[in-house]
PDB file of N, CA and C in Angstrom:
ATOM      1  N   MET A   1      77.251  25.285 169.079  1.00  0.00           N
ATOM      2  CA  MET A   1      76.663  26.524 168.583  1.00  0.00           C
ATOM      3  C   MET A   1      77.333  27.699 169.279  1.00  0.00           C
ATOM      4  N   SER A   2      77.627  28.695 168.510  1.00  0.00           N
ATOM      5  CA  SER A   2      78.294  29.873 169.034  1.00  0.00           C
ATOM      6  C   SER A   2      77.334  30.708 169.872  1.00  0.00           C
ATOM      7  N   SER A   3      77.849  31.293 170.927  1.00  0.00           N
ATOM      8  CA  SER A   3      77.012  32.172 171.751  1.00  0.00           C
ATOM      9  C   SER A   3      76.783  33.513 171.060  1.00  0.00           C
ATOM     10  N   ASP A   4      77.482  33.750 169.943  1.00  0.00           N
ATOM     11  CA  ASP A   4      77.334  34.998 169.199  1.00  0.00           C
ATOM     12  C   ASP A   4      76.192  34.957 168.187  1.00  0.00           C
ATOM     13  N   ALA A   5      75.488  33.834 168.094  1.00  0.00           N
ATOM     14  CA  ALA A   5      74.397  33.710 167.123  1.00  0.00           C
ATOM     15  C   ALA A   5      73.266  34.660 167.495  1.00  0.00           C
ATOM     16  N   THR A   6      72.741  35.339 166.486  1.00  0.00           N
ATOM     17  CA  THR A   6      71.636  36.269 166.722  1.00  0.00           C
ATOM     18  C   THR A   6      70.527  36.016 165.711  1.00  0.00           C
ATOM     19  N   ILE A   7      69.351  36.435 166.074  1.00  0.00           N
ATOM     20  CA  ILE A   7      68.206  36.366 165.170  1.00  0.00           C
ATOM     21  C   ILE A   7      68.121  37.710 164.456  1.00  0.00           C
ATOM     22  N   PRO A   8      68.076  37.701 163.117  1.00  0.00           N
ATOM     23  CA  PRO A   8      68.016  38.974 162.395  1.00  0.00           C
ATOM     24  C   PRO A   8      66.747  39.759 162.725  1.00  0.00           C
ATOM     25  N   ALA A   9      66.844  41.064 162.648  1.00  0.00           N
ATOM     26  CA  ALA A   9      65.695  41.928 162.938  1.00  0.00           C
ATOM     27  C   ALA A   9      64.601  41.765 161.895  1.00  0.00           C
ATOM     28  N   HIS A  10      64.990  41.492 160.655  1.00  0.00           N
ATOM     29  CA  HIS A  10      64.024  41.336 159.567  1.00  0.00           C
ATOM     30  C   HIS A  10      64.294  40.020 158.850  1.00  0.00           C
ATOM     31  N   GLY A  11      63.238  39.278 158.601  1.00  0.00           N
ATOM     32  CA  GLY A  11      63.374  37.995 157.921  1.00  0.00           C
ATOM     33  C   GLY A  11      63.416  38.142 156.412  1.00  0.00           C
ATOM     34  N   ARG A  12      63.471  37.013 155.737  1.00  0.00           N
ATOM     35  CA  ARG A  12      63.474  36.981 154.275  1.00  0.00           C
ATOM     36  C   ARG A  12      62.049  36.763 153.782  1.00  0.00           C
ATOM     37  N   SER A  13      61.802  37.160 152.565  1.00  0.00           N
ATOM     38  CA  SER A  13      60.490  36.895 151.970  1.00  0.00           C
ATOM     39  C   SER A  13      60.392  35.402 151.678  1.00  0.00           C
ATOM     40  N   ALA A  14      59.177  34.913 151.526  1.00  0.00           N
ATOM     41  CA  ALA A  14      58.973  33.494 151.222  1.00  0.00           C
ATOM     42  C   ALA A  14      59.651  33.134 149.906  1.00  0.00           C
ATOM     43  N   ASP A  15      59.539  33.993 148.887  1.00  0.00           N
ATOM     44  CA  ASP A  15      60.163  33.721 147.588  1.00  0.00           C
ATOM     45  C   ASP A  15      61.685  33.643 147.706  1.00  0.00           C
ATOM     46  N   GLU A  16      62.257  34.552 148.479  1.00  0.00           N
ATOM     47  CA  GLU A  16      63.707  34.564 148.672  1.00  0.00           C
ATOM     48  C   GLU A  16      64.162  33.304 149.411  1.00  0.00           C
ATOM     49  N   LEU A  17      63.421  32.914 150.420  1.00  0.00           N
ATOM     50  CA  LEU A  17      63.754  31.721 151.190  1.00  0.00           C
ATOM     51  C   LEU A  17      63.657  30.464 150.328  1.00  0.00           C
ATOM     52  N   LEU A  18      62.590  30.344 149.553  1.00  0.00           N
ATOM     53  CA  LEU A  18      62.427  29.171 148.688  1.00  0.00           C
ATOM     54  C   LEU A  18      63.502  29.125 147.601  1.00  0.00           C
ATOM     55  N   ALA A  19      63.898  30.277 147.072  1.00  0.00           N
ATOM     56  CA  ALA A  19      64.974  30.322 146.072  1.00  0.00           C
ATOM     57  C   ALA A  19      66.292  29.857 146.685  1.00  0.00           C
ATOM     58  N   LEU A  20      66.560  30.249 147.913  1.00  0.00           N
ATOM     59  CA  LEU A  20      67.772  29.821 148.608  1.00  0.00           C
ATOM     60  C   LEU A  20      67.761  28.312 148.842  1.00  0.00           C
ATOM     61  N   ILE A  21      66.621  27.781 149.236  1.00  0.00           N
ATOM     62  CA  ILE A  21      66.492  26.336 149.439  1.00  0.00           C
ATOM     63  C   ILE A  21      66.718  25.597 148.126  1.00  0.00           C
ATOM     64  N   ASP A  22      66.124  26.082 147.037  1.00  0.00           N
ATOM     65  CA  ASP A  22      66.312  25.455 145.724  1.00  0.00           C
ATOM     66  C   ASP A  22      67.780  25.498 145.299  1.00  0.00           C
ATOM     67  N   GLU A  23      68.440  26.612 145.559  1.00  0.00           N
ATOM     68  CA  GLU A  23      69.857  26.761 145.204  1.00  0.00           C
ATOM     69  C   GLU A  23      70.708  25.746 145.964  1.00  0.00           C
ATOM     70  N   ARG A  24      70.459  25.603 147.239  1.00  0.00           N
ATOM     71  CA  ARG A  24      71.226  24.645 148.045  1.00  0.00           C
ATOM     72  C   ARG A  24      70.880  23.212 147.675  1.00  0.00           C
ATOM     73  N   HIS A  25      69.632  22.965 147.324  1.00  0.00           N
ATOM     74  CA  HIS A  25      69.209  21.617 146.931  1.00  0.00           C
ATOM     75  C   HIS A  25      69.899  21.182 145.638  1.00  0.00           C
ATOM     76  N   ALA A  26      70.176  22.127 144.762  1.00  0.00           N
ATOM     77  CA  ALA A  26      70.828  21.814 143.486  1.00  0.00           C
ATOM     78  C   ALA A  26      72.220  21.225 143.698  1.00  0.00           C
ATOM     79  N   ALA A  27      72.835  21.513 144.836  1.00  0.00           N
ATOM     80  CA  ALA A  27      74.177  21.004 145.129  1.00  0.00           C
ATOM     81  C   ALA A  27      74.151  19.628 145.802  1.00  0.00           C
ATOM     82  N   ASP A  28      72.969  19.102 146.094  1.00  0.00           N
ATOM     83  CA  ASP A  28      72.858  17.785 146.732  1.00  0.00           C
ATOM     84  C   ASP A  28      73.334  16.686 145.785  1.00  0.00           C
ATOM     85  N   ILE A  29      73.778  15.584 146.362  1.00  0.00           N
ATOM     86  CA  ILE A  29      74.188  14.453 145.534  1.00  0.00           C
ATOM     87  C   ILE A  29      72.963  13.789 144.918  1.00  0.00           C
ATOM     88  N   ASP A  30      73.184  13.061 143.844  1.00  0.00           N
ATOM     89  CA  ASP A  30      72.102  12.389 143.116  1.00  0.00           C
ATOM     90  C   ASP A  30      71.819  11.033 143.754  1.00  0.00           C
ATOM     91  N   TRP A  31      71.065  11.021 144.856  1.00  0.00           N
ATOM     92  CA  TRP A  31      70.814   9.746 145.544  1.00  0.00           C
ATOM     93  C   TRP A  31      69.869   8.865 144.747  1.00  0.00           C
ATOM     94  N   ARG A  32      69.002   9.472 143.952  1.00  0.00           N
ATOM     95  CA  ARG A  32      68.091   8.667 143.124  1.00  0.00           C
ATOM     96  C   ARG A  32      68.842   7.932 142.012  1.00  0.00           C
ATOM     97  N   GLY A  33      69.960   8.485 141.609  1.00  0.00           N
ATOM     98  CA  GLY A  33      70.767   7.872 140.564  1.00  0.00           C
ATOM     99  C   GLY A  33      71.814   6.915 141.102  1.00  0.00           C
ATOM    100  N   GLY A  34      71.733   6.597 142.393  1.00  0.00           N
ATOM    101  CA  GLY A  34      72.667   5.645 142.980  1.00  0.00           C
ATOM    102  C   GLY A  34      74.018   6.243 143.314  1.00  0.00           C
ATOM    103  N   LYS A  35      74.070   7.552 143.533  1.00  0.00           N
ATOM    104  CA  LYS A  35      75.343   8.216 143.798  1.00  0.00           C
ATOM    105  C   LYS A  35      75.577   8.475 145.283  1.00  0.00           C
ATOM    106  N   ALA A  36      74.844   7.801 146.150  1.00  0.00           N
ATOM    107  CA  ALA A  36      75.014   7.987 147.589  1.00  0.00           C
ATOM    108  C   ALA A  36      75.378   6.659 148.233  1.00  0.00           C
ATOM    109  N   PHE A  37      76.287   6.708 149.186  1.00  0.00           N
ATOM    110  CA  PHE A  37      76.657   5.515 149.935  1.00  0.00           C
ATOM    111  C   PHE A  37      75.934   5.556 151.270  1.00  0.00           C
ATOM    112  N   SER A  38      75.387   4.477 151.678  1.00  0.00           N
ATOM    113  CA  SER A  38      74.745   4.325 152.984  1.00  0.00           C
ATOM    114  C   SER A  38      73.449   3.582 152.808  1.00  0.00           C
ATOM    115  N   LEU A  39      72.471   3.949 153.586  1.00  0.00           N
ATOM    116  CA  LEU A  39      71.185   3.257 153.573  1.00  0.00           C
ATOM    117  C   LEU A  39      70.159   4.029 152.758  1.00  0.00           C
ATOM    118  N   VAL A  40      70.593   4.700 151.714  1.00  0.00           N
ATOM    119  CA  VAL A  40      69.718   5.487 150.853  1.00  0.00           C
ATOM    120  C   VAL A  40      69.565   4.749 149.531  1.00  0.00           C
ATOM    121  N   TYR A  41      68.330   4.501 149.147  1.00  0.00           N
ATOM    122  CA  TYR A  41      68.095   3.838 147.873  1.00  0.00           C
ATOM    123  C   TYR A  41      66.814   4.368 147.263  1.00  0.00           C
ATOM    124  N   ASN A  42      66.679   4.168 145.980  1.00  0.00           N
ATOM    125  CA  ASN A  42      65.505   4.634 145.255  1.00  0.00           C
ATOM    126  C   ASN A  42      64.809   3.427 144.643  1.00  0.00           C
ATOM    127  N   VAL A  43      63.552   3.208 145.011  1.00  0.00           N
ATOM    128  CA  VAL A  43      62.812   2.073 144.454  1.00  0.00           C
ATOM    129  C   VAL A  43      62.227   2.413 143.085  1.00  0.00           C
ATOM    130  N   ASP A  44      62.363   3.664 142.657  1.00  0.00           N
ATOM    131  CA  ASP A  44      61.863   4.128 141.361  1.00  0.00           C
ATOM    132  C   ASP A  44      60.390   3.793 141.170  1.00  0.00           C
ATOM    133  N   ASP A  45      59.615   4.033 142.222  1.00  0.00           N
ATOM    134  CA  ASP A  45      58.173   3.770 142.212  1.00  0.00           C
ATOM    135  C   ASP A  45      57.490   5.051 142.671  1.00  0.00           C
ATOM    136  N   HIS A  46      57.010   5.844 141.721  1.00  0.00           N
ATOM    137  CA  HIS A  46      56.447   7.156 142.052  1.00  0.00           C
ATOM    138  C   HIS A  46      55.200   7.050 142.926  1.00  0.00           C
ATOM    139  N   GLU A  47      54.412   6.032 142.751  1.00  0.00           N
ATOM    140  CA  GLU A  47      53.219   5.848 143.578  1.00  0.00           C
ATOM    141  C   GLU A  47      53.619   5.625 145.035  1.00  0.00           C
ATOM    142  N   HIS A  48      54.636   4.814 145.256  1.00  0.00           N
ATOM    143  CA  HIS A  48      55.125   4.553 146.611  1.00  0.00           C
ATOM    144  C   HIS A  48      55.732   5.815 147.218  1.00  0.00           C
ATOM    145  N   GLU A  49      56.496   6.541 146.421  1.00  0.00           N
ATOM    146  CA  GLU A  49      57.107   7.778 146.891  1.00  0.00           C
ATOM    147  C   GLU A  49      56.034   8.809 147.262  1.00  0.00           C
ATOM    148  N   ASP A  50      54.970   8.909 146.468  1.00  0.00           N
ATOM    149  CA  ASP A  50      53.863   9.821 146.779  1.00  0.00           C
ATOM    150  C   ASP A  50      53.183   9.435 148.083  1.00  0.00           C
ATOM    151  N   LEU A  51      53.003   8.141 148.318  1.00  0.00           N
ATOM    152  CA  LEU A  51      52.394   7.677 149.566  1.00  0.00           C
ATOM    153  C   LEU A  51      53.256   8.064 150.763  1.00  0.00           C
ATOM    154  N   ILE A  52      54.557   7.853 150.662  1.00  0.00           N
ATOM    155  CA  ILE A  52      55.462   8.223 151.752  1.00  0.00           C
ATOM    156  C   ILE A  52      55.376   9.722 152.022  1.00  0.00           C
ATOM    157  N   GLU A  53      55.310  10.530 150.969  1.00  0.00           N
ATOM    158  CA  GLU A  53      55.202  11.978 151.129  1.00  0.00           C
ATOM    159  C   GLU A  53      53.892  12.361 151.814  1.00  0.00           C
ATOM    160  N   GLN A  54      52.790  11.735 151.440  1.00  0.00           N
ATOM    161  CA  GLN A  54      51.492  12.021 152.065  1.00  0.00           C
ATOM    162  C   GLN A  54      51.504  11.667 153.553  1.00  0.00           C
ATOM    163  N   VAL A  55      52.110  10.538 153.893  1.00  0.00           N
ATOM    164  CA  VAL A  55      52.203  10.132 155.301  1.00  0.00           C
ATOM    165  C   VAL A  55      53.055  11.136 156.074  1.00  0.00           C
ATOM    166  N   ALA A  56      54.193  11.529 155.515  1.00  0.00           N
ATOM    167  CA  ALA A  56      55.069  12.489 156.183  1.00  0.00           C
ATOM    168  C   ALA A  56      54.360  13.826 156.401  1.00  0.00           C
ATOM    169  N   LEU A  57      53.586  14.276 155.424  1.00  0.00           N
ATOM    170  CA  LEU A  57      52.860  15.541 155.561  1.00  0.00           C
ATOM    171  C   LEU A  57      51.809  15.485 156.665  1.00  0.00           C
ATOM    172  N   ARG A  58      51.205  14.332 156.857  1.00  0.00           N
ATOM    173  CA  ARG A  58      50.196  14.201 157.917  1.00  0.00           C
ATOM    174  C   ARG A  58      50.805  14.388 159.305  1.00  0.00           C
ATOM    175  N   TYR A  59      52.077  14.082 159.458  1.00  0.00           N
ATOM    176  CA  TYR A  59      52.739  14.177 160.754  1.00  0.00           C
ATOM    177  C   TYR A  59      53.727  15.332 160.832  1.00  0.00           C
ATOM    178  N   LEU A  60      53.714  16.208 159.855  1.00  0.00           N
ATOM    179  CA  LEU A  60      54.678  17.292 159.771  1.00  0.00           C
ATOM    180  C   LEU A  60      54.726  18.136 161.047  1.00  0.00           C
ATOM    181  N   HIS A  61      53.589  18.405 161.642  1.00  0.00           N
ATOM    182  CA  HIS A  61      53.535  19.295 162.804  1.00  0.00           C
ATOM    183  C   HIS A  61      53.293  18.557 164.109  1.00  0.00           C
ATOM    184  N   ASP A  62      53.439  17.260 164.096  1.00  0.00           N
ATOM    185  CA  ASP A  62      53.272  16.457 165.306  1.00  0.00           C
ATOM    186  C   ASP A  62      54.624  15.931 165.765  1.00  0.00           C
ATOM    187  N   ASN A  63      54.687  15.600 167.012  1.00  0.00           N
ATOM    188  CA  ASN A  63      55.897  14.998 167.560  1.00  0.00           C
ATOM    189  C   ASN A  63      55.733  13.491 167.499  1.00  0.00           C
ATOM    190  N   ALA A  64      55.747  12.953 166.296  1.00  0.00           N
ATOM    191  CA  ALA A  64      55.512  11.517 166.124  1.00  0.00           C
ATOM    192  C   ALA A  64      56.697  10.844 165.492  1.00  0.00           C
TER     193      ALA A  64
END
């Protein structure tokens, strides 16, 4: 990390930040479609995926 990094005086609005995240997410590879190499796979089970998301949200702010 560069020692020249600074924190801006004014942040972005929530809408602007979420739009930027969506824009960058659009450039991600299609891992659900089998376009990623490594240990990434899609079981194509929405119920299972929802459960994983609920578990992750429960620990979002914990060091677990």
